[in-house]
Protein backbone atom coordinates (compact mmCIF):
# COMPACT_ATOMS: atom_id res chain seq x y z
CA UNK A 1 36.30 13.33 226.04
CA UNK A 2 36.31 11.07 223.01
CA UNK A 3 39.04 13.02 221.22
CA UNK A 4 42.36 14.44 222.23
CA UNK A 5 41.72 18.16 221.99
CA UNK A 6 45.02 19.14 223.56
CA UNK A 7 46.91 16.55 221.54
CA UNK A 8 45.24 17.65 218.35
CA UNK A 9 46.24 21.25 218.98
CA UNK A 10 49.89 20.33 219.52
CA UNK A 11 49.81 17.93 216.53
CA UNK A 12 48.54 20.58 214.13
CA UNK A 13 51.31 22.98 215.07
CA UNK A 14 54.21 20.57 214.75
CA UNK A 15 52.98 18.57 211.77
CA UNK A 16 52.88 21.65 209.62
CA UNK A 17 56.64 22.09 210.06
CA UNK A 18 59.19 20.64 207.59
CA UNK A 19 60.91 17.38 208.46
CA UNK A 20 64.10 16.18 206.82
CA UNK A 21 64.15 15.69 203.08
CA UNK A 22 61.02 13.55 202.85
CA UNK A 23 58.39 14.56 200.35
CA UNK A 24 55.39 15.17 202.56
CA UNK A 25 51.91 15.70 201.10
CA UNK A 26 50.25 18.97 202.03
CA UNK A 27 47.60 18.75 204.74
CA UNK A 28 45.27 21.50 205.87
CA UNK A 29 44.78 22.15 209.60
CA UNK A 30 41.37 20.49 209.37
CA UNK A 31 42.86 17.42 207.66
CA UNK A 32 45.60 17.21 210.27
CA UNK A 33 43.07 17.31 213.07
CA UNK A 34 40.96 14.57 211.50
CA UNK A 35 43.98 12.40 210.68
CA UNK A 36 45.37 12.74 214.20
CA UNK A 37 42.05 11.54 215.60
CA UNK A 38 41.89 8.59 213.19
CA UNK A 39 45.43 7.60 214.13
CA UNK A 40 44.60 7.75 217.84
CA UNK A 41 41.40 5.73 217.40
CA UNK A 42 42.82 2.99 215.19
CA UNK A 43 46.62 2.93 215.29
CA UNK A 44 48.22 4.38 218.43
CA UNK A 45 47.61 1.29 220.55
CA UNK A 46 49.90 -0.91 218.47
CA UNK A 47 52.27 1.66 216.96
CA UNK A 48 52.52 4.21 219.81
CA UNK A 49 51.58 7.86 220.10
CA UNK A 50 55.12 8.76 218.98
CA UNK A 51 54.94 6.02 216.33
CA UNK A 52 58.06 4.24 217.59
CA UNK A 53 56.34 0.84 217.34
CA UNK A 54 55.73 -2.06 219.75
CA UNK A 55 53.06 -4.60 218.85
CA UNK A 56 53.13 -3.04 215.39
CA UNK A 57 56.21 -1.69 213.56
CA UNK A 58 57.52 1.86 213.81
CA UNK A 59 55.63 4.34 211.64
CA UNK A 60 57.96 7.32 211.78
CA UNK A 61 58.80 8.94 208.43
CA UNK A 62 62.40 7.71 208.82
CA UNK A 63 61.33 4.10 209.39
CA UNK A 64 59.02 4.08 206.40
CA UNK A 65 61.59 5.78 204.16
CA UNK A 66 64.14 3.11 205.16
CA UNK A 67 61.70 0.39 204.06
CA UNK A 68 60.98 2.19 200.80
CA UNK A 69 57.28 2.63 201.52
CA UNK A 70 55.45 4.92 199.10
CA UNK A 71 52.15 6.60 199.81
CA UNK A 72 50.38 3.91 197.78
CA UNK A 73 52.03 1.08 199.75
CA UNK A 74 51.01 2.65 203.06
CA UNK A 75 47.45 3.05 201.80
CA UNK A 76 47.41 -0.64 200.85
CA UNK A 77 48.45 -1.77 204.32
CA UNK A 78 45.82 0.41 205.98
CA UNK A 79 43.02 -0.62 203.64
CA UNK A 80 43.72 -4.35 203.20
CA UNK A 81 45.54 -5.33 206.40
CA UNK A 82 48.01 -8.22 206.67
CA UNK A 83 47.86 -11.85 207.90
CA UNK A 84 50.34 -10.83 210.62
CA UNK A 85 47.68 -9.00 212.61
CA UNK A 86 47.22 -5.63 210.90
CA UNK A 87 43.44 -5.08 210.63
CA UNK A 88 41.91 -4.42 207.21
CA UNK A 89 40.35 -1.12 208.18
CA UNK A 90 39.19 -0.33 204.65
CA UNK A 91 37.83 -3.74 203.67
CA UNK A 92 35.82 -3.81 206.90
CA UNK A 93 34.26 -0.46 206.10
CA UNK A 94 35.73 1.17 209.21
CA UNK A 95 37.74 3.65 207.12
CA UNK A 96 36.71 5.03 203.75
CA UNK A 97 39.17 5.26 200.86
CA UNK A 98 39.41 8.99 201.49
CA UNK A 99 40.17 8.45 205.20
CA UNK A 100 42.70 5.77 204.31
CA UNK A 101 44.52 8.15 201.98
CA UNK A 102 44.38 10.93 204.58
CA UNK A 103 45.89 8.67 207.24
CA UNK A 104 48.65 7.54 204.85
CA UNK A 105 49.53 11.18 204.11
CA UNK A 106 49.53 11.96 207.84
CA UNK A 107 52.06 9.19 208.51
CA UNK A 108 54.55 10.90 206.22
CA UNK A 109 54.78 13.81 208.67
CA UNK A 110 56.78 13.87 211.89
CA UNK A 111 54.78 12.92 215.02
CA UNK A 112 54.60 15.36 217.91
CA UNK A 113 54.76 14.65 221.63
CA UNK A 114 51.33 15.06 223.23
CA UNK A 115 50.90 16.99 226.50
CA UNK A 116 51.14 15.54 229.99
CA UNK A 117 48.42 15.41 232.66
CA UNK A 118 48.79 16.57 236.24
CA UNK A 119 46.88 15.43 239.33
CA UNK A 120 45.04 18.76 239.41
CA UNK A 121 43.90 18.21 235.81
CA UNK A 122 42.67 14.73 236.70
CA UNK A 123 40.68 16.16 239.59
CA UNK A 124 38.71 18.29 237.13
CA UNK A 125 37.48 15.07 235.53
CA UNK A 126 36.75 13.26 238.79
CA UNK A 127 33.09 12.76 239.57
CA UNK A 128 31.34 10.86 242.37
CA UNK A 129 27.84 10.01 241.17
CA UNK A 130 26.73 7.90 244.15
CA UNK A 131 28.85 8.33 247.32
CA UNK A 132 29.88 5.07 249.04
CA UNK A 133 27.66 5.77 252.05
CA UNK A 134 24.59 6.04 249.79
CA UNK A 135 25.15 2.76 248.00
CA UNK A 136 23.08 -0.32 248.89
CA UNK A 137 24.32 -2.80 251.48
CA UNK A 138 22.89 -5.71 249.47
CA UNK A 139 21.78 -6.26 245.87
CA UNK A 140 18.62 -4.32 244.98
CA UNK A 141 17.54 -6.93 242.46
CA UNK A 142 17.02 -10.71 242.44
CA UNK A 143 19.31 -11.39 239.48
CA UNK A 144 22.37 -13.63 239.63
CA UNK A 145 24.83 -10.73 239.40
CA UNK A 146 27.85 -13.04 239.63
CA UNK A 147 26.87 -14.38 236.21
CA UNK A 148 26.45 -10.94 234.64
CA UNK A 149 28.36 -10.46 231.40
CA UNK A 150 30.00 -7.10 230.80
CA UNK A 151 30.08 -6.37 227.06
CA UNK A 152 32.15 -3.57 225.55
CA UNK A 153 30.38 -1.49 222.90
CA UNK A 154 33.65 -0.09 221.63
CA UNK A 155 32.99 2.75 219.23
CA UNK A 156 29.85 4.14 220.86
CA UNK A 157 31.51 4.77 224.24
CA UNK A 158 29.26 2.46 226.21
CA UNK A 159 29.20 -0.95 227.88
CA UNK A 160 26.29 -3.32 228.34
CA UNK A 161 25.49 -5.47 231.35
CA UNK A 162 23.65 -8.63 230.30
CA UNK A 163 22.20 -11.30 232.60
CA UNK A 164 24.08 -14.51 231.86
CA UNK A 165 21.17 -16.64 233.10
CA UNK A 166 18.30 -15.07 231.13
CA UNK A 167 20.36 -13.48 228.30
CA UNK A 168 18.40 -10.26 228.83
CA UNK A 169 19.89 -6.77 228.75
CA UNK A 170 20.16 -5.38 232.28
CA UNK A 171 21.77 -2.00 231.71
CA UNK A 172 23.64 0.24 229.26
CA UNK A 173 26.32 2.40 230.88
CA UNK A 174 28.04 5.43 229.39
CA UNK A 175 31.81 5.00 229.69
CA UNK A 176 34.97 6.16 227.97
CA UNK A 177 35.58 5.75 224.25
CA UNK A 178 36.81 2.35 223.08
CA UNK A 179 36.79 0.61 226.44
CA UNK A 180 39.64 -1.88 226.48
CA UNK A 181 38.78 -4.12 229.43
CA UNK A 182 36.48 -4.78 232.36
CA UNK A 183 38.03 -5.76 235.65
CA UNK A 184 36.07 -6.97 238.67
CA UNK A 185 36.77 -5.68 242.13
CA UNK A 186 38.02 -8.18 244.70
CA UNK A 187 34.50 -8.79 246.02
CA UNK A 188 33.03 -8.86 242.52
CA UNK A 189 30.49 -6.20 243.40
CA UNK A 190 32.02 -3.59 241.12
CA UNK A 191 32.96 -3.67 237.47
CA UNK A 192 35.72 -1.24 236.51
CA UNK A 193 36.34 -0.16 232.93
CA UNK A 194 39.13 1.77 231.25
CA UNK A 195 38.71 3.48 227.89
CA UNK A 196 41.23 4.28 225.20
CA UNK A 197 40.67 7.90 226.15
CA UNK A 198 41.94 7.28 229.69
CA UNK A 199 38.51 7.49 231.30
CA UNK A 200 37.86 5.02 234.13
CA UNK A 201 34.42 4.11 235.45
CA UNK A 202 33.26 2.26 238.56
CA UNK A 203 30.00 0.34 237.99
CA UNK A 204 27.98 -0.91 240.97
CA UNK A 205 26.32 -4.21 240.07
CA UNK A 206 24.15 -4.11 243.22
CA UNK A 207 22.10 -1.13 242.09
CA UNK A 208 18.58 -1.90 240.91
CA UNK A 209 19.82 -0.95 237.47
CA UNK A 210 23.63 -1.33 237.47
CA UNK A 211 25.28 1.95 236.63
CA UNK A 212 28.45 3.91 237.24
CA UNK A 213 28.89 5.41 240.69
CA UNK A 214 32.19 7.20 239.99
CA UNK A 215 34.34 8.19 237.02
CA UNK A 216 37.62 9.96 236.30
CA UNK A 217 39.96 10.63 233.40
CA UNK A 218 43.61 10.05 234.31
CA UNK A 219 45.40 10.04 230.95
CA UNK A 220 44.87 10.57 227.23
CA UNK A 221 45.43 6.95 226.23
CA UNK A 222 45.11 3.91 228.50
CA UNK A 223 44.76 0.12 228.40
CA UNK A 224 44.71 -1.44 231.87
CA UNK A 225 42.92 -1.19 235.20
CA UNK A 226 42.71 -3.36 238.31
CA UNK A 227 41.87 -3.18 241.99
CA UNK A 228 43.42 -4.23 245.27
CA UNK A 229 42.40 -7.84 245.92
CA UNK A 230 44.58 -8.88 248.83
CA UNK A 231 43.01 -9.94 252.14
CA UNK A 232 45.21 -11.77 254.62
CA UNK A 233 47.82 -11.48 257.38
CA UNK A 234 49.24 -8.28 255.84
CA UNK A 235 45.88 -6.47 255.92
CA UNK A 236 42.50 -6.22 254.25
CA UNK A 237 42.76 -4.19 251.05
CA UNK A 238 39.77 -5.68 249.26
CA UNK A 239 38.27 -3.02 246.93
CA UNK A 240 40.14 -0.21 248.70
CA UNK A 241 42.43 0.91 245.87
CA UNK A 242 42.55 0.83 242.09
CA UNK A 243 45.28 1.34 239.51
CA UNK A 244 45.18 2.55 235.91
CA UNK A 245 47.99 1.85 233.45
CA UNK A 246 48.47 4.64 230.93
CA UNK A 247 49.90 4.61 227.42
CA UNK A 248 50.11 8.40 227.36
CA UNK A 249 51.37 10.04 229.46
CA UNK A 250 53.63 7.03 230.24
CA UNK A 251 52.59 6.32 233.83
CA UNK A 252 50.37 4.47 236.21
CA UNK A 253 47.92 6.20 238.50
CA UNK A 254 46.72 4.95 241.90
CA UNK A 255 43.09 5.71 242.77
CA UNK A 256 40.76 5.33 245.71
CA UNK A 257 38.94 2.06 245.04
CA UNK A 258 35.54 3.29 246.25
CA UNK A 259 35.50 6.75 244.66
CA UNK A 260 38.19 6.70 241.93
CA UNK A 261 39.78 9.79 243.44
CA UNK A 262 43.31 10.08 241.95
CA UNK A 263 45.92 9.68 244.67
CA UNK A 264 49.30 9.28 243.01
CA UNK A 265 50.95 9.41 239.58
CA UNK A 266 54.08 7.35 238.89
CA UNK A 267 56.03 8.11 235.72
CA UNK A 268 57.15 4.98 233.84
CA UNK A 269 59.59 6.46 231.30
CA UNK A 270 62.72 4.38 231.81
CA UNK A 271 65.82 2.81 230.32
CA UNK A 272 65.53 -0.48 228.46
CA UNK A 273 66.56 -3.48 230.53
CA UNK A 274 69.08 -4.74 227.97
CA UNK A 275 70.75 -1.83 226.13
CA UNK A 276 69.96 0.90 228.70
CA UNK A 277 68.53 3.24 226.10
CA UNK A 278 66.08 5.83 227.40
CA UNK A 279 62.46 5.35 226.32
CA UNK A 280 60.14 8.31 226.70
CA UNK A 281 57.02 6.43 225.60
CA UNK A 282 57.28 3.57 228.10
CA UNK A 283 53.68 2.39 228.28
CA UNK A 284 51.93 0.36 230.96
CA UNK A 285 50.28 -2.62 229.29
CA UNK A 286 48.85 -5.37 231.52
CA UNK A 287 48.27 -5.24 235.28
CA UNK A 288 47.24 -8.07 237.59
CA UNK A 289 46.49 -8.00 241.32
CA UNK A 290 48.55 -10.41 243.40
CA UNK A 291 46.76 -13.01 245.52
CA UNK A 292 49.79 -13.51 247.78
CA UNK A 293 50.71 -9.97 248.81
CA UNK A 294 49.19 -6.48 248.71
CA UNK A 295 50.83 -5.83 245.35
CA UNK A 296 50.13 -5.21 241.70
CA UNK A 297 52.19 -6.77 238.92
CA UNK A 298 52.66 -4.08 236.27
CA UNK A 299 54.10 -4.61 232.78
CA UNK A 300 56.22 -1.68 231.57
CA UNK A 301 56.05 -2.37 227.86
CA UNK A 302 58.93 -0.76 225.94
CA UNK A 303 61.67 -0.95 228.63
CA UNK A 304 60.84 -4.63 229.20
CA UNK A 305 60.52 -4.42 232.95
CA UNK A 306 57.96 -5.85 235.35
CA UNK A 307 57.13 -3.60 238.28
CA UNK A 308 55.86 -5.18 241.49
CA UNK A 309 54.07 -2.31 243.21
CA UNK A 310 53.46 -2.61 246.97
CA UNK A 311 50.25 -0.67 247.64
CA UNK A 312 50.14 -0.97 251.44
CA UNK A 313 51.15 2.68 251.73
CA UNK A 314 50.61 4.64 248.50
CA UNK A 315 52.14 7.75 250.09
CA UNK A 316 55.45 5.94 250.57
CA UNK A 317 55.24 3.66 247.57
CA UNK A 318 57.62 0.70 247.34
CA UNK A 319 58.38 -0.87 243.98
CA UNK A 320 60.40 -3.94 243.03
CA UNK A 321 61.73 -3.81 239.44
CA UNK A 322 62.42 -7.01 237.49
CA UNK A 323 64.27 -7.09 234.18
CA UNK A 324 62.22 -9.19 231.79
CA UNK A 325 62.00 -8.60 228.01
CA UNK A 326 61.11 -5.68 225.79
CA UNK A 327 57.63 -5.04 224.41
CA UNK A 328 55.65 -6.65 227.22
CA UNK A 329 51.97 -6.69 226.39
CA UNK A 330 49.12 -8.78 227.79
CA UNK A 331 49.16 -11.79 230.09
CA UNK A 332 47.63 -13.54 233.08
CA UNK A 333 48.11 -15.92 235.97
CA UNK A 334 48.94 -19.59 235.78
CA UNK A 335 46.47 -21.97 237.40
CA UNK A 336 48.08 -21.61 240.86
CA UNK A 337 47.94 -17.79 240.62
CA UNK A 338 51.57 -17.60 241.64
CA UNK A 339 53.23 -17.15 238.26
CA UNK A 340 52.45 -14.28 235.92
CA UNK A 341 52.93 -15.12 232.23
CA UNK A 342 53.17 -12.09 229.96
CA UNK A 343 53.75 -11.84 226.22
CA UNK A 344 56.75 -9.91 224.93
CA UNK A 345 55.05 -10.01 221.58
CA UNK A 346 57.55 -8.26 219.33
CA UNK A 347 60.21 -10.61 220.70
CA UNK A 348 58.00 -13.67 220.03
CA UNK A 349 58.34 -14.74 223.65
CA UNK A 350 56.39 -15.26 226.85
CA UNK A 351 58.03 -14.20 230.12
CA UNK A 352 57.35 -15.88 233.46
CA UNK A 353 57.47 -13.91 236.73
CA UNK A 354 57.27 -15.47 240.21
CA UNK A 355 55.00 -13.16 242.24
CA UNK A 356 55.94 -14.80 245.55
CA UNK A 357 59.74 -14.69 245.26
CA UNK A 358 59.43 -11.59 243.06
CA UNK A 359 61.86 -12.68 240.38
CA UNK A 360 62.24 -13.51 236.71
CA UNK A 361 61.77 -17.25 236.12
CA UNK A 362 61.99 -17.91 232.39
CA UNK A 363 61.29 -16.71 228.88
CA UNK A 364 59.90 -19.05 226.27
CA UNK A 365 59.81 -18.57 222.51
CA UNK A 366 56.28 -19.46 221.43
CA UNK A 367 55.58 -18.14 217.92
CA UNK A 368 55.17 -14.87 216.06
CA UNK A 369 53.68 -12.15 218.27
CA UNK A 370 51.99 -14.05 221.11
CA UNK A 371 48.72 -12.42 222.17
CA UNK A 372 47.14 -14.43 224.98
CA UNK A 373 44.67 -11.94 226.45
CA UNK A 374 44.84 -13.56 229.88
CA UNK A 375 45.64 -16.97 228.42
CA UNK A 376 44.00 -20.35 229.02
CA UNK A 377 44.72 -22.60 232.05
CA UNK A 378 43.89 -26.28 232.39
CA UNK A 379 45.35 -29.58 233.61
CA UNK A 380 46.54 -31.95 230.90
CA UNK A 381 46.71 -35.70 231.64
CA UNK A 382 50.38 -35.85 230.62
CA UNK A 383 51.81 -32.37 231.11
CA UNK A 384 49.88 -31.36 234.22
CA UNK A 385 48.95 -27.68 234.58
CA UNK A 386 49.52 -25.75 231.35
CA UNK A 387 48.85 -22.21 230.11
CA UNK A 388 48.24 -21.50 226.43
CA UNK A 389 48.49 -18.50 224.12
CA UNK A 390 47.50 -17.72 220.56
CA UNK A 391 49.48 -15.50 218.17
CA UNK A 392 48.96 -12.47 215.99
CA UNK A 393 51.52 -13.55 213.42
CA UNK A 394 51.54 -17.35 213.33
CA UNK A 395 48.85 -20.02 213.19
CA UNK A 396 49.84 -21.87 216.36
CA UNK A 397 48.48 -22.09 219.88
CA UNK A 398 51.44 -22.68 222.20
CA UNK A 399 50.86 -24.49 225.51
CA UNK A 400 53.45 -24.07 228.27
CA UNK A 401 53.92 -26.32 231.30
CA UNK A 402 53.47 -24.36 234.55
CA UNK A 403 54.16 -26.81 237.38
CA UNK A 404 57.85 -26.66 238.41
CA UNK A 405 57.27 -28.92 241.44
CA UNK A 406 55.38 -31.98 240.21
CA UNK A 407 56.05 -31.71 236.45
CA UNK A 408 59.45 -30.07 236.45
CA UNK A 409 60.55 -31.56 233.11
CA UNK A 410 57.69 -29.76 231.38
CA UNK A 411 57.83 -26.53 233.36
CA UNK A 412 58.42 -23.34 231.37
CA UNK A 413 58.63 -25.18 228.06
CA UNK A 414 56.27 -25.31 225.09
CA UNK A 415 54.86 -28.80 225.59
CA UNK A 416 52.54 -28.64 222.58
CA UNK A 417 52.14 -26.44 219.52
CA UNK A 418 48.58 -26.73 218.23
CA UNK A 419 48.30 -25.75 214.57
CA UNK A 420 45.25 -23.81 213.46
CA UNK A 421 44.07 -24.32 209.86
CA UNK A 422 45.59 -22.06 207.22
CA UNK A 423 48.59 -19.77 207.38
CA UNK A 424 48.98 -16.55 209.33
CA UNK A 425 47.85 -15.66 212.82
CA UNK A 426 45.21 -13.12 213.81
CA UNK A 427 44.32 -14.57 217.22
CA UNK A 428 43.42 -12.03 219.87
CA UNK A 429 41.92 -14.21 222.60
CA UNK A 430 41.90 -17.76 223.87
CA UNK A 431 39.71 -19.02 226.69
CA UNK A 432 38.70 -22.09 228.68
CA UNK A 433 37.03 -23.00 231.99
CA UNK A 434 37.81 -25.72 234.59
CA UNK A 435 34.46 -27.38 233.90
CA UNK A 436 34.87 -27.41 230.12
CA UNK A 437 36.72 -30.02 228.02
CA UNK A 438 37.46 -27.36 225.41
CA UNK A 439 39.61 -24.35 224.57
CA UNK A 440 38.02 -21.69 222.33
CA UNK A 441 40.15 -19.50 220.07
CA UNK A 442 39.34 -16.55 217.80
CA UNK A 443 41.27 -15.16 214.79
CA UNK A 444 39.80 -11.69 214.78
CA UNK A 445 42.63 -9.94 212.96
CA UNK A 446 43.13 -12.46 210.16
CA UNK A 447 41.72 -11.03 206.90
CA UNK A 448 40.44 -14.44 205.75
CA UNK A 449 39.55 -16.23 208.99
CA UNK A 450 38.14 -13.37 211.07
CA UNK A 451 34.66 -14.96 211.11
CA UNK A 452 35.92 -18.23 212.58
CA UNK A 453 36.12 -19.82 216.01
CA UNK A 454 38.30 -22.85 216.70
CA UNK A 455 37.54 -25.43 219.37
CA UNK A 456 40.44 -27.45 220.80
CA UNK A 457 40.11 -30.63 222.86
CA UNK A 458 42.05 -30.26 226.13
CA UNK A 459 43.18 -33.90 226.26
CA UNK A 460 44.21 -34.48 222.64
CA UNK A 461 45.28 -30.86 222.04
CA UNK A 462 43.79 -31.03 218.56
CA UNK A 463 41.40 -28.68 216.78
CA UNK A 464 38.14 -30.63 216.76
CA UNK A 465 35.91 -28.02 215.17
CA UNK A 466 36.15 -24.88 213.05
CA UNK A 467 33.04 -22.71 213.24
CA UNK A 468 32.27 -20.03 210.66
CA UNK A 469 30.02 -18.03 212.97
CA UNK A 470 28.56 -15.80 210.26
CA UNK A 471 27.72 -18.82 208.13
CA UNK A 472 25.95 -20.42 211.09
CA UNK A 473 24.01 -17.21 211.69
CA UNK A 474 22.92 -17.23 208.04
CA UNK A 475 21.49 -20.72 208.54
CA UNK A 476 19.41 -19.39 211.42
CA UNK A 477 18.01 -16.59 209.30
CA UNK A 478 20.25 -13.72 210.42
CA UNK A 479 21.05 -12.49 206.90
CA UNK A 480 22.20 -8.95 207.70
CA UNK A 481 24.57 -9.60 210.61
CA UNK A 482 28.22 -9.46 209.62
CA UNK A 483 31.58 -8.69 211.21
CA UNK A 484 34.62 -10.16 212.89
CA UNK A 485 34.31 -12.69 215.72
CA UNK A 486 36.12 -11.70 218.89
CA UNK A 487 36.69 -12.57 222.54
CA UNK A 488 35.19 -15.92 223.57
CA UNK A 489 34.13 -15.86 227.23
CA UNK A 490 32.64 -18.60 229.41
CA UNK A 491 29.72 -18.10 231.74
CA UNK A 492 30.36 -18.78 235.44
CA UNK A 493 29.27 -22.42 235.12
CA UNK A 494 31.57 -23.29 232.22
CA UNK A 495 28.61 -24.40 230.09
CA UNK A 496 28.30 -21.54 227.60
CA UNK A 497 30.72 -19.58 225.43
CA UNK A 498 29.79 -16.03 224.45
CA UNK A 499 31.39 -14.19 221.52
CA UNK A 500 30.94 -10.78 219.90
CA UNK A 501 30.28 -10.05 216.24
CA UNK A 502 32.37 -6.90 215.86
CA UNK A 503 30.99 -4.79 213.05
CA UNK A 504 30.59 -1.17 212.01
CA UNK A 505 29.18 1.48 214.32
CA UNK A 506 26.31 2.31 211.98
CA UNK A 507 25.00 -1.28 211.89
CA UNK A 508 23.90 -3.35 214.91
CA UNK A 509 25.33 -6.87 215.07
CA UNK A 510 24.98 -9.61 217.71
CA UNK A 511 26.31 -11.46 220.71
CA UNK A 512 26.33 -15.19 219.97
CA UNK A 513 26.05 -17.77 222.76
CA UNK A 514 27.32 -21.30 222.11
CA UNK A 515 26.63 -24.46 224.05
CA UNK A 516 30.12 -25.61 225.01
CA UNK A 517 29.19 -29.30 224.91
CA UNK A 518 27.51 -29.39 221.49
CA UNK A 519 29.44 -26.41 220.03
CA UNK A 520 26.17 -25.19 218.50
CA UNK A 521 24.53 -21.79 218.75
CA UNK A 522 22.22 -21.64 221.74
CA UNK A 523 21.14 -18.00 221.66
CA UNK A 524 21.63 -14.93 219.48
CA UNK A 525 21.35 -11.64 221.35
CA UNK A 526 20.40 -8.77 219.06
CA UNK A 527 19.03 -5.26 219.34
CA UNK A 528 19.76 -1.74 218.20
CA UNK A 529 22.09 -1.38 221.20
CA UNK A 530 24.45 -4.13 219.97
CA UNK A 531 26.89 -1.85 218.14
CA UNK A 532 30.61 -2.58 217.85
CA UNK A 533 30.61 -5.22 220.60
CA UNK A 534 34.11 -6.46 221.41
CA UNK A 535 35.33 -7.77 224.78
CA UNK A 536 33.02 -9.87 226.96
CA UNK A 537 33.81 -10.40 230.65
CA UNK A 538 31.95 -12.62 233.13
CA UNK A 539 31.83 -11.29 236.70
CA UNK A 540 32.59 -14.59 238.44
CA UNK A 541 35.44 -15.71 236.18
CA UNK A 542 36.98 -12.22 236.08
CA UNK A 543 36.78 -11.80 239.86
CA UNK A 544 38.43 -15.15 240.47
CA UNK A 545 40.95 -15.01 237.59
CA UNK A 546 39.48 -18.08 235.92
CA UNK A 547 40.53 -18.39 232.29
């Protein structure tokens, strides 16, 4: 379900009650319902369902009163955004002035706690479309499925599968609303998606026309999904299990990897690692599958703890808890796939976890609100293996040394801060490939630079080109395409970089393919189906954690 019907019902009841001495604008039940949905769609991910803040600041009435925010100030933030990463929802045309004002009024009311979800409720949503025994034993097409690109069509509740070789559309798949990520199964055969509405889908890329073979809804708000990828002396778990990390209810859910049948719910509400204060809304942000053990590395956002979940026996689950840093968000593996680097973005730090020894290694201050996606790995001639992140709030790309054995003096330190042009941050994703000499960076959330891509030379660690993608499209005759540029992704060969033009739902935009060597546009993929494209994920690079 795209909306939160149960949440909306609870929200309408509680938001109509008085709260403190704040002057709250009157809202009708219909306005409350609409505002609650807008908040969920656009705001809850950064500010929390209970509005306690994380990537974004707290938006409770008390917090805003303390800062002296008036209704007009709140409207301004929503409509115009900020250079620190707050999107300009109004200027983009995503929210009208009336919707902006409605949302600002809504924020002056006390938030309510949404309902929980039981295993029996999840089972009502569970659907097997093609049972495992009826699925093909080999690909039913002659396409290079390992070079398929999964493209999120955010606001229309769909994803597209595009052939990376021919650039032709292969399939459109109905999924959850506002899909956050694709993850490949261990074999690469399956693409898994998770939507903002907590709906997970399993897409079989071997079908003649790739489509979902199972789906389930396991929470009201979610961000992360992964599968079991371990195959070794401790067993073969390839593609056997999956895990979904929920924002609300605060939990992770273990699923059957072939059918998505929910097997186990684990509550993640916890005490903060440092002050031992209880956090009800303790959300699961990023999850990665270990290559060394049958385990998942799970980031418990608000408490600041990393959970190493042993999935050998889900019935008798074992979990190793590591104190890290508060407000853990996204992250990925270093080049060796031993160390997990995760951004504690509201603390302006990156935390390093050793997945083999299962311990905290280091925390590094990198800049204002690091947001790496999965980060960018490469080998520098001086520093050796490094991992880099961009930032939501500052204009630097920070590169961290990741080899404690052969380059110990650089390990777990910022070895280079690469300055992007202009002030402010706005970077959501940074990407490279072992066969490319370049790092590609977006600035999707910057109000002035959201149309730009930045290309960094791996050896010199300098920005060698700034590309105004919309301007380049204009030169090619694409006069009507407009939007923010987001999520560079390499093809499996490391020769092409694909990016999305993220626009409004009512206007199709484009996927733009660059030649990595020349940094020029090679192909523009258009069509009525290209609506609100955001994340792009290559099967081969996602399966093998290449970024």
